[in-house]
Amino acid sequence: EREKMQYAQELKEYQQTEAFQITSTKIQDKRIKK
């Protein structure tokens, strides 16, 4: 449970990074192409 809460916090911080934005854009482009 503690690891789950820590993962949620780290995921929230990761979603604010530039790497997450780039990955989300690539996934969205691939879905649109498909």
ModelCIF file with pLDDT and N, C-alpha, C, O atoms, coordinates in Angstrom:
data_MODEL
#
_entry.id   MODEL 
#
_entity.id                         1 
_entity.type                       polymer 
_entity.pdbx_number_of_molecules   1 
#
_entity_poly.entity_id                      1 
_entity_poly.type                           'polypeptide(L)' 
_entity_poly.nstd_linkage                   no 
_entity_poly.nstd_monomer                   no 
_entity_poly.pdbx_seq_one_letter_code       EREKMQYAQELKEYQQTEAFQITSTKIQDKRIKK 
_entity_poly.pdbx_seq_one_letter_code_can   EREKMQYAQELKEYQQTEAFQITSTKIQDKRIKK 
_entity_poly.pdbx_strand_id                 A 
#
loop_
_entity_poly_seq.entity_id 
_entity_poly_seq.num 
_entity_poly_seq.mon_id 
_entity_poly_seq.hetero 
1 1  GLU n 
1 2  ARG n 
1 3  GLU n 
1 4  LYS n 
1 5  MET n 
1 6  GLN n 
1 7  TYR n 
1 8  ALA n 
1 9  GLN n 
1 10 GLU n 
1 11 LEU n 
1 12 LYS n 
1 13 GLU n 
1 14 TYR n 
1 15 GLN n 
1 16 GLN n 
1 17 THR n 
1 18 GLU n 
1 19 ALA n 
1 20 PHE n 
1 21 GLN n 
1 22 ILE n 
1 23 THR n 
1 24 SER n 
1 25 THR n 
1 26 LYS n 
1 27 ILE n 
1 28 GLN n 
1 29 ASP n 
1 30 LYS n 
1 31 ARG n 
1 32 ILE n 
1 33 LYS n 
1 34 LYS n 
#
_struct_asym.id          A 
_struct_asym.entity_id   1 
#
loop_
_ma_qa_metric.id 
_ma_qa_metric.mode 
_ma_qa_metric.name 
_ma_qa_metric.software_group_id 
_ma_qa_metric.type 
1 global pLDDT . pLDDT 
2 local  pLDDT . pLDDT 
#
_ma_qa_metric_global.metric_id      1 
_ma_qa_metric_global.metric_value   82.41 
_ma_qa_metric_global.model_id       1 
_ma_qa_metric_global.ordinal_id     1 
#
loop_
_ma_qa_metric_local.label_asym_id 
_ma_qa_metric_local.label_comp_id 
_ma_qa_metric_local.label_seq_id 
_ma_qa_metric_local.metric_id 
_ma_qa_metric_local.metric_value 
_ma_qa_metric_local.model_id 
_ma_qa_metric_local.ordinal_id 
A GLU 1  2 93.00 1 1  
A ARG 2  2 91.00 1 2  
A GLU 3  2 89.00 1 3  
A LYS 4  2 91.00 1 4  
A MET 5  2 92.00 1 5  
A GLN 6  2 90.00 1 6  
A TYR 7  2 88.00 1 7  
A ALA 8  2 89.00 1 8  
A GLN 9  2 88.00 1 9  
A GLU 10 2 86.00 1 10 
A LEU 11 2 84.00 1 11 
A LYS 12 2 84.00 1 12 
A GLU 13 2 85.00 1 13 
A TYR 14 2 82.00 1 14 
A GLN 15 2 82.00 1 15 
A GLN 16 2 82.00 1 16 
A THR 17 2 82.00 1 17 
A GLU 18 2 77.00 1 18 
A ALA 19 2 75.00 1 19 
A PHE 20 2 77.00 1 20 
A GLN 21 2 79.00 1 21 
A ILE 22 2 80.00 1 22 
A THR 23 2 77.00 1 23 
A SER 24 2 77.00 1 24 
A THR 25 2 81.00 1 25 
A LYS 26 2 79.00 1 26 
A ILE 27 2 78.00 1 27 
A GLN 28 2 78.00 1 28 
A ASP 29 2 78.00 1 29 
A LYS 30 2 79.00 1 30 
A ARG 31 2 77.00 1 31 
A ILE 32 2 81.00 1 32 
A LYS 33 2 77.00 1 33 
A LYS 34 2 74.00 1 34 
#
loop_
_atom_site.group_PDB 
_atom_site.id 
_atom_site.type_symbol 
_atom_site.label_atom_id 
_atom_site.label_alt_id 
_atom_site.label_comp_id 
_atom_site.label_asym_id 
_atom_site.label_entity_id 
_atom_site.label_seq_id 
_atom_site.pdbx_PDB_ins_code 
_atom_site.Cartn_x 
_atom_site.Cartn_y 
_atom_site.Cartn_z 
_atom_site.occupancy 
_atom_site.B_iso_or_equiv 
_atom_site.pdbx_formal_charge 
_atom_site.auth_seq_id 
_atom_site.auth_comp_id 
_atom_site.auth_asym_id 
_atom_site.auth_atom_id 
_atom_site.pdbx_PDB_model_num 
ATOM 1   N N  . GLU A 1 1  ? 0.830  -1.211 0.000   1.00 93.00 ? 1  GLU A N  1 
ATOM 2   C CA . GLU A 1 1  ? 0.000  0.000  0.000   1.00 93.00 ? 1  GLU A CA 1 
ATOM 3   C C  . GLU A 1 1  ? 0.861  1.256  0.000   1.00 93.00 ? 1  GLU A C  1 
ATOM 4   O O  . GLU A 1 1  ? 0.560  2.226  -0.697  1.00 93.00 ? 1  GLU A O  1 
ATOM 5   N N  . ARG A 1 2  ? 1.954  1.232  0.803   1.00 91.00 ? 2  ARG A N  1 
ATOM 6   C CA . ARG A 1 2  ? 2.867  2.381  0.803   1.00 91.00 ? 2  ARG A CA 1 
ATOM 7   C C  . ARG A 1 2  ? 3.522  2.561  -0.563  1.00 91.00 ? 2  ARG A C  1 
ATOM 8   O O  . ARG A 1 2  ? 3.670  3.688  -1.037  1.00 91.00 ? 2  ARG A O  1 
ATOM 9   N N  . GLU A 1 3  ? 3.917  1.451  -1.201  1.00 89.00 ? 3  GLU A N  1 
ATOM 10  C CA . GLU A 1 3  ? 4.523  1.541  -2.532  1.00 89.00 ? 3  GLU A CA 1 
ATOM 11  C C  . GLU A 1 3  ? 3.508  2.037  -3.552  1.00 89.00 ? 3  GLU A C  1 
ATOM 12  O O  . GLU A 1 3  ? 3.867  2.761  -4.480  1.00 89.00 ? 3  GLU A O  1 
ATOM 13  N N  . LYS A 1 4  ? 2.248  1.657  -3.392  1.00 91.00 ? 4  LYS A N  1 
ATOM 14  C CA . LYS A 1 4  ? 1.202  2.113  -4.295  1.00 91.00 ? 4  LYS A CA 1 
ATOM 15  C C  . LYS A 1 4  ? 0.991  3.620  -4.184  1.00 91.00 ? 4  LYS A C  1 
ATOM 16  O O  . LYS A 1 4  ? 0.835  4.306  -5.195  1.00 91.00 ? 4  LYS A O  1 
ATOM 17  N N  . MET A 1 5  ? 0.986  4.141  -2.939  1.00 92.00 ? 5  MET A N  1 
ATOM 18  C CA . MET A 1 5  ? 0.829  5.575  -2.740  1.00 92.00 ? 5  MET A CA 1 
ATOM 19  C C  . MET A 1 5  ? 2.029  6.335  -3.300  1.00 92.00 ? 5  MET A C  1 
ATOM 20  O O  . MET A 1 5  ? 1.880  7.394  -3.909  1.00 92.00 ? 5  MET A O  1 
ATOM 21  N N  . GLN A 1 6  ? 3.231  5.772  -3.082  1.00 90.00 ? 6  GLN A N  1 
ATOM 22  C CA . GLN A 1 6  ? 4.435  6.409  -3.619  1.00 90.00 ? 6  GLN A CA 1 
ATOM 23  C C  . GLN A 1 6  ? 4.409  6.407  -5.150  1.00 90.00 ? 6  GLN A C  1 
ATOM 24  O O  . GLN A 1 6  ? 4.812  7.385  -5.779  1.00 90.00 ? 6  GLN A O  1 
ATOM 25  N N  . TYR A 1 7  ? 3.934  5.300  -5.753  1.00 88.00 ? 7  TYR A N  1 
ATOM 26  C CA . TYR A 1 7  ? 3.838  5.226  -7.214  1.00 88.00 ? 7  TYR A CA 1 
ATOM 27  C C  . TYR A 1 7  ? 2.857  6.273  -7.742  1.00 88.00 ? 7  TYR A C  1 
ATOM 28  O O  . TYR A 1 7  ? 3.111  6.903  -8.769  1.00 88.00 ? 7  TYR A O  1 
ATOM 29  N N  . ALA A 1 8  ? 1.741  6.456  -7.041  1.00 89.00 ? 8  ALA A N  1 
ATOM 30  C CA . ALA A 1 8  ? 0.762  7.458  -7.481  1.00 89.00 ? 8  ALA A CA 1 
ATOM 31  C C  . ALA A 1 8  ? 1.364  8.863  -7.449  1.00 89.00 ? 8  ALA A C  1 
ATOM 32  O O  . ALA A 1 8  ? 1.126  9.676  -8.342  1.00 89.00 ? 8  ALA A O  1 
ATOM 33  N N  . GLN A 1 9  ? 2.155  9.132  -6.396  1.00 88.00 ? 9  GLN A N  1 
ATOM 34  C CA . GLN A 1 9  ? 2.790  10.454 -6.316  1.00 88.00 ? 9  GLN A CA 1 
ATOM 35  C C  . GLN A 1 9  ? 3.829  10.628 -7.410  1.00 88.00 ? 9  GLN A C  1 
ATOM 36  O O  . GLN A 1 9  ? 3.886  11.679 -8.049  1.00 88.00 ? 9  GLN A O  1 
ATOM 37  N N  . GLU A 1 10 ? 4.666  9.592  -7.637  1.00 86.00 ? 10 GLU A N  1 
ATOM 38  C CA . GLU A 1 10 ? 5.698  9.677  -8.674  1.00 86.00 ? 10 GLU A CA 1 
ATOM 39  C C  . GLU A 1 10 ? 5.067  9.768  -10.063 1.00 86.00 ? 10 GLU A C  1 
ATOM 40  O O  . GLU A 1 10 ? 5.569  10.482 -10.931 1.00 86.00 ? 10 GLU A O  1 
ATOM 41  N N  . LEU A 1 11 ? 3.960  9.040  -10.271 1.00 84.00 ? 11 LEU A N  1 
ATOM 42  C CA . LEU A 1 11 ? 3.285  9.104  -11.566 1.00 84.00 ? 11 LEU A CA 1 
ATOM 43  C C  . LEU A 1 11 ? 2.718  10.497 -11.808 1.00 84.00 ? 11 LEU A C  1 
ATOM 44  O O  . LEU A 1 11 ? 2.763  11.013 -12.925 1.00 84.00 ? 11 LEU A O  1 
ATOM 45  N N  . LYS A 1 12 ? 2.187  11.096 -10.754 1.00 84.00 ? 12 LYS A N  1 
ATOM 46  C CA . LYS A 1 12 ? 1.654  12.451 -10.894 1.00 84.00 ? 12 LYS A CA 1 
ATOM 47  C C  . LYS A 1 12 ? 2.759  13.439 -11.250 1.00 84.00 ? 12 LYS A C  1 
ATOM 48  O O  . LYS A 1 12 ? 2.563  14.327 -12.079 1.00 84.00 ? 12 LYS A O  1 
ATOM 49  N N  . GLU A 1 13 ? 3.930  13.277 -10.615 1.00 85.00 ? 13 GLU A N  1 
ATOM 50  C CA . GLU A 1 13 ? 5.067  14.146 -10.938 1.00 85.00 ? 13 GLU A CA 1 
ATOM 51  C C  . GLU A 1 13 ? 5.586  13.864 -12.346 1.00 85.00 ? 13 GLU A C  1 
ATOM 52  O O  . GLU A 1 13 ? 5.971  14.788 -13.062 1.00 85.00 ? 13 GLU A O  1 
ATOM 53  N N  . TYR A 1 14 ? 5.599  12.568 -12.753 1.00 82.00 ? 14 TYR A N  1 
ATOM 54  C CA . TYR A 1 14 ? 6.093  12.213 -14.080 1.00 82.00 ? 14 TYR A CA 1 
ATOM 55  C C  . TYR A 1 14 ? 5.197  12.765 -15.173 1.00 82.00 ? 14 TYR A C  1 
ATOM 56  O O  . TYR A 1 14 ? 5.682  13.134 -16.243 1.00 82.00 ? 14 TYR A O  1 
ATOM 57  N N  . GLN A 1 15 ? 3.895  12.827 -14.920 1.00 82.00 ? 15 GLN A N  1 
ATOM 58  C CA . GLN A 1 15 ? 2.962  13.345 -15.914 1.00 82.00 ? 15 GLN A CA 1 
ATOM 59  C C  . GLN A 1 15 ? 3.147  14.834 -16.175 1.00 82.00 ? 15 GLN A C  1 
ATOM 60  O O  . GLN A 1 15 ? 2.627  15.364 -17.157 1.00 82.00 ? 15 GLN A O  1 
ATOM 61  N N  . GLN A 1 16 ? 3.889  15.512 -15.295 1.00 82.00 ? 16 GLN A N  1 
ATOM 62  C CA . GLN A 1 16 ? 4.165  16.930 -15.521 1.00 82.00 ? 16 GLN A CA 1 
ATOM 63  C C  . GLN A 1 16 ? 5.461  17.164 -16.288 1.00 82.00 ? 16 GLN A C  1 
ATOM 64  O O  . GLN A 1 16 ? 5.788  18.306 -16.614 1.00 82.00 ? 16 GLN A O  1 
ATOM 65  N N  . THR A 1 17 ? 6.215  16.080 -16.586 1.00 82.00 ? 17 THR A N  1 
ATOM 66  C CA . THR A 1 17 ? 7.502  16.227 -17.246 1.00 82.00 ? 17 THR A CA 1 
ATOM 67  C C  . THR A 1 17 ? 7.332  16.301 -18.756 1.00 82.00 ? 17 THR A C  1 
ATOM 68  O O  . THR A 1 17 ? 6.274  15.984 -19.300 1.00 82.00 ? 17 THR A O  1 
ATOM 69  N N  . GLU A 1 18 ? 8.398  16.725 -19.415 1.00 77.00 ? 18 GLU A N  1 
ATOM 70  C CA . GLU A 1 18 ? 8.389  16.833 -20.873 1.00 77.00 ? 18 GLU A CA 1 
ATOM 71  C C  . GLU A 1 18 ? 8.413  15.462 -21.536 1.00 77.00 ? 18 GLU A C  1 
ATOM 72  O O  . GLU A 1 18 ? 7.839  15.274 -22.608 1.00 77.00 ? 18 GLU A O  1 
ATOM 73  N N  . ALA A 1 19 ? 9.092  14.488 -20.881 1.00 75.00 ? 19 ALA A N  1 
ATOM 74  C CA . ALA A 1 19 ? 9.163  13.140 -21.452 1.00 75.00 ? 19 ALA A CA 1 
ATOM 75  C C  . ALA A 1 19 ? 7.775  12.511 -21.567 1.00 75.00 ? 19 ALA A C  1 
ATOM 76  O O  . ALA A 1 19 ? 7.478  11.827 -22.546 1.00 75.00 ? 19 ALA A O  1 
ATOM 77  N N  . PHE A 1 20 ? 6.931  12.744 -20.569 1.00 77.00 ? 20 PHE A N  1 
ATOM 78  C CA . PHE A 1 20 ? 5.575  12.193 -20.609 1.00 77.00 ? 20 PHE A CA 1 
ATOM 79  C C  . PHE A 1 20 ? 4.766  12.849 -21.728 1.00 77.00 ? 20 PHE A C  1 
ATOM 80  O O  . PHE A 1 20 ? 3.996  12.178 -22.415 1.00 77.00 ? 20 PHE A O  1 
ATOM 81  N N  . GLN A 1 21 ? 4.939  14.161 -21.911 1.00 79.00 ? 21 GLN A N  1 
ATOM 82  C CA . GLN A 1 21 ? 4.209  14.848 -22.965 1.00 79.00 ? 21 GLN A CA 1 
ATOM 83  C C  . GLN A 1 21 ? 4.605  14.316 -24.342 1.00 79.00 ? 21 GLN A C  1 
ATOM 84  O O  . GLN A 1 21 ? 3.752  14.134 -25.211 1.00 79.00 ? 21 GLN A O  1 
ATOM 85  N N  . ILE A 1 22 ? 5.910  14.067 -24.538 1.00 80.00 ? 22 ILE A N  1 
ATOM 86  C CA . ILE A 1 22 ? 6.391  13.537 -25.816 1.00 80.00 ? 22 ILE A CA 1 
ATOM 87  C C  . ILE A 1 22 ? 5.826  12.138 -26.054 1.00 80.00 ? 22 ILE A C  1 
ATOM 88  O O  . ILE A 1 22 ? 5.359  11.825 -27.149 1.00 80.00 ? 22 ILE A O  1 
ATOM 89  N N  . THR A 1 23 ? 5.872  11.295 -25.010 1.00 77.00 ? 23 THR A N  1 
ATOM 90  C CA . THR A 1 23 ? 5.352  9.933  -25.139 1.00 77.00 ? 23 THR A CA 1 
ATOM 91  C C  . THR A 1 23 ? 3.857  9.940  -25.434 1.00 77.00 ? 23 THR A C  1 
ATOM 92  O O  . THR A 1 23 ? 3.384  9.173  -26.272 1.00 77.00 ? 23 THR A O  1 
ATOM 93  N N  . SER A 1 24 ? 3.113  10.801 -24.751 1.00 77.00 ? 24 SER A N  1 
ATOM 94  C CA . SER A 1 24 ? 1.669  10.877 -24.990 1.00 77.00 ? 24 SER A CA 1 
ATOM 95  C C  . SER A 1 24 ? 1.369  11.320 -26.412 1.00 77.00 ? 24 SER A C  1 
ATOM 96  O O  . SER A 1 24 ? 0.438  10.821 -27.044 1.00 77.00 ? 24 SER A O  1 
ATOM 97  N N  . THR A 1 25 ? 2.169  12.267 -26.915 1.00 81.00 ? 25 THR A N  1 
ATOM 98  C CA . THR A 1 25 ? 1.964  12.737 -28.284 1.00 81.00 ? 25 THR A CA 1 
ATOM 99  C C  . THR A 1 25 ? 2.227  11.619 -29.287 1.00 81.00 ? 25 THR A C  1 
ATOM 100 O O  . THR A 1 25 ? 1.471  11.461 -30.246 1.00 81.00 ? 25 THR A O  1 
ATOM 101 N N  . LYS A 1 26 ? 3.288  10.843 -29.078 1.00 79.00 ? 26 LYS A N  1 
ATOM 102 C CA . LYS A 1 26 ? 3.596  9.739  -29.982 1.00 79.00 ? 26 LYS A CA 1 
ATOM 103 C C  . LYS A 1 26 ? 2.493  8.688  -29.967 1.00 79.00 ? 26 LYS A C  1 
ATOM 104 O O  . LYS A 1 26 ? 2.096  8.184  -31.018 1.00 79.00 ? 26 LYS A O  1 
ATOM 105 N N  . ILE A 1 27 ? 2.000  8.359  -28.779 1.00 78.00 ? 27 ILE A N  1 
ATOM 106 C CA . ILE A 1 27 ? 0.929  7.362  -28.683 1.00 78.00 ? 27 ILE A CA 1 
ATOM 107 C C  . ILE A 1 27 ? -0.333 7.856  -29.381 1.00 78.00 ? 27 ILE A C  1 
ATOM 108 O O  . ILE A 1 27 ? -1.014 7.092  -30.064 1.00 78.00 ? 27 ILE A O  1 
ATOM 109 N N  . GLN A 1 28 ? -0.639 9.149  -29.202 1.00 78.00 ? 28 GLN A N  1 
ATOM 110 C CA . GLN A 1 28 ? -1.829 9.713  -29.843 1.00 78.00 ? 28 GLN A CA 1 
ATOM 111 C C  . GLN A 1 28 ? -1.678 9.711  -31.359 1.00 78.00 ? 28 GLN A C  1 
ATOM 112 O O  . GLN A 1 28 ? -2.619 9.372  -32.075 1.00 78.00 ? 28 GLN A O  1 
ATOM 113 N N  . ASP A 1 29 ? -0.486 10.092 -31.859 1.00 78.00 ? 29 ASP A N  1 
ATOM 114 C CA . ASP A 1 29 ? -0.254 10.087 -33.315 1.00 78.00 ? 29 ASP A CA 1 
ATOM 115 C C  . ASP A 1 29 ? -0.365 8.683  -33.877 1.00 78.00 ? 29 ASP A C  1 
ATOM 116 O O  . ASP A 1 29 ? -0.931 8.487  -34.953 1.00 78.00 ? 29 ASP A O  1 
ATOM 117 N N  . LYS A 1 30 ? 0.173  7.697  -33.156 1.00 79.00 ? 30 LYS A N  1 
ATOM 118 C CA . LYS A 1 30 ? 0.100  6.327  -33.642 1.00 79.00 ? 30 LYS A CA 1 
ATOM 119 C C  . LYS A 1 30 ? -1.354 5.842  -33.682 1.00 79.00 ? 30 LYS A C  1 
ATOM 120 O O  . LYS A 1 30 ? -1.746 5.126  -34.603 1.00 79.00 ? 30 LYS A O  1 
ATOM 121 N N  . ARG A 1 31 ? -2.144 6.230  -32.691 1.00 77.00 ? 31 ARG A N  1 
ATOM 122 C CA . ARG A 1 31 ? -3.552 5.832  -32.679 1.00 77.00 ? 31 ARG A CA 1 
ATOM 123 C C  . ARG A 1 31 ? -4.314 6.472  -33.838 1.00 77.00 ? 31 ARG A C  1 
ATOM 124 O O  . ARG A 1 31 ? -5.160 5.832  -34.463 1.00 77.00 ? 31 ARG A O  1 
ATOM 125 N N  . ILE A 1 32 ? -4.008 7.745  -34.120 1.00 81.00 ? 32 ILE A N  1 
ATOM 126 C CA . ILE A 1 32 ? -4.686 8.441  -35.227 1.00 81.00 ? 32 ILE A CA 1 
ATOM 127 C C  . ILE A 1 32 ? -4.318 7.806  -36.563 1.00 81.00 ? 32 ILE A C  1 
ATOM 128 O O  . ILE A 1 32 ? -5.180 7.622  -37.422 1.00 81.00 ? 32 ILE A O  1 
ATOM 129 N N  . LYS A 1 33 ? -3.029 7.466  -36.745 1.00 77.00 ? 33 LYS A N  1 
ATOM 130 C CA . LYS A 1 33 ? -2.598 6.828  -37.981 1.00 77.00 ? 33 LYS A CA 1 
ATOM 131 C C  . LYS A 1 33 ? -3.266 5.468  -38.157 1.00 77.00 ? 33 LYS A C  1 
ATOM 132 O O  . LYS A 1 33 ? -3.627 5.075  -39.267 1.00 77.00 ? 33 LYS A O  1 
ATOM 133 N N  . LYS A 1 34 ? -3.422 4.759  -37.040 1.00 74.00 ? 34 LYS A N  1 
ATOM 134 C CA . LYS A 1 34 ? -4.044 3.448  -37.120 1.00 74.00 ? 34 LYS A CA 1 
ATOM 135 C C  . LYS A 1 34 ? -5.518 3.551  -37.498 1.00 74.00 ? 34 LYS A C  1 
ATOM 136 O O  . LYS A 1 34 ? -6.199 2.531  -37.610 1.00 74.00 ? 34 LYS A O  1 
#
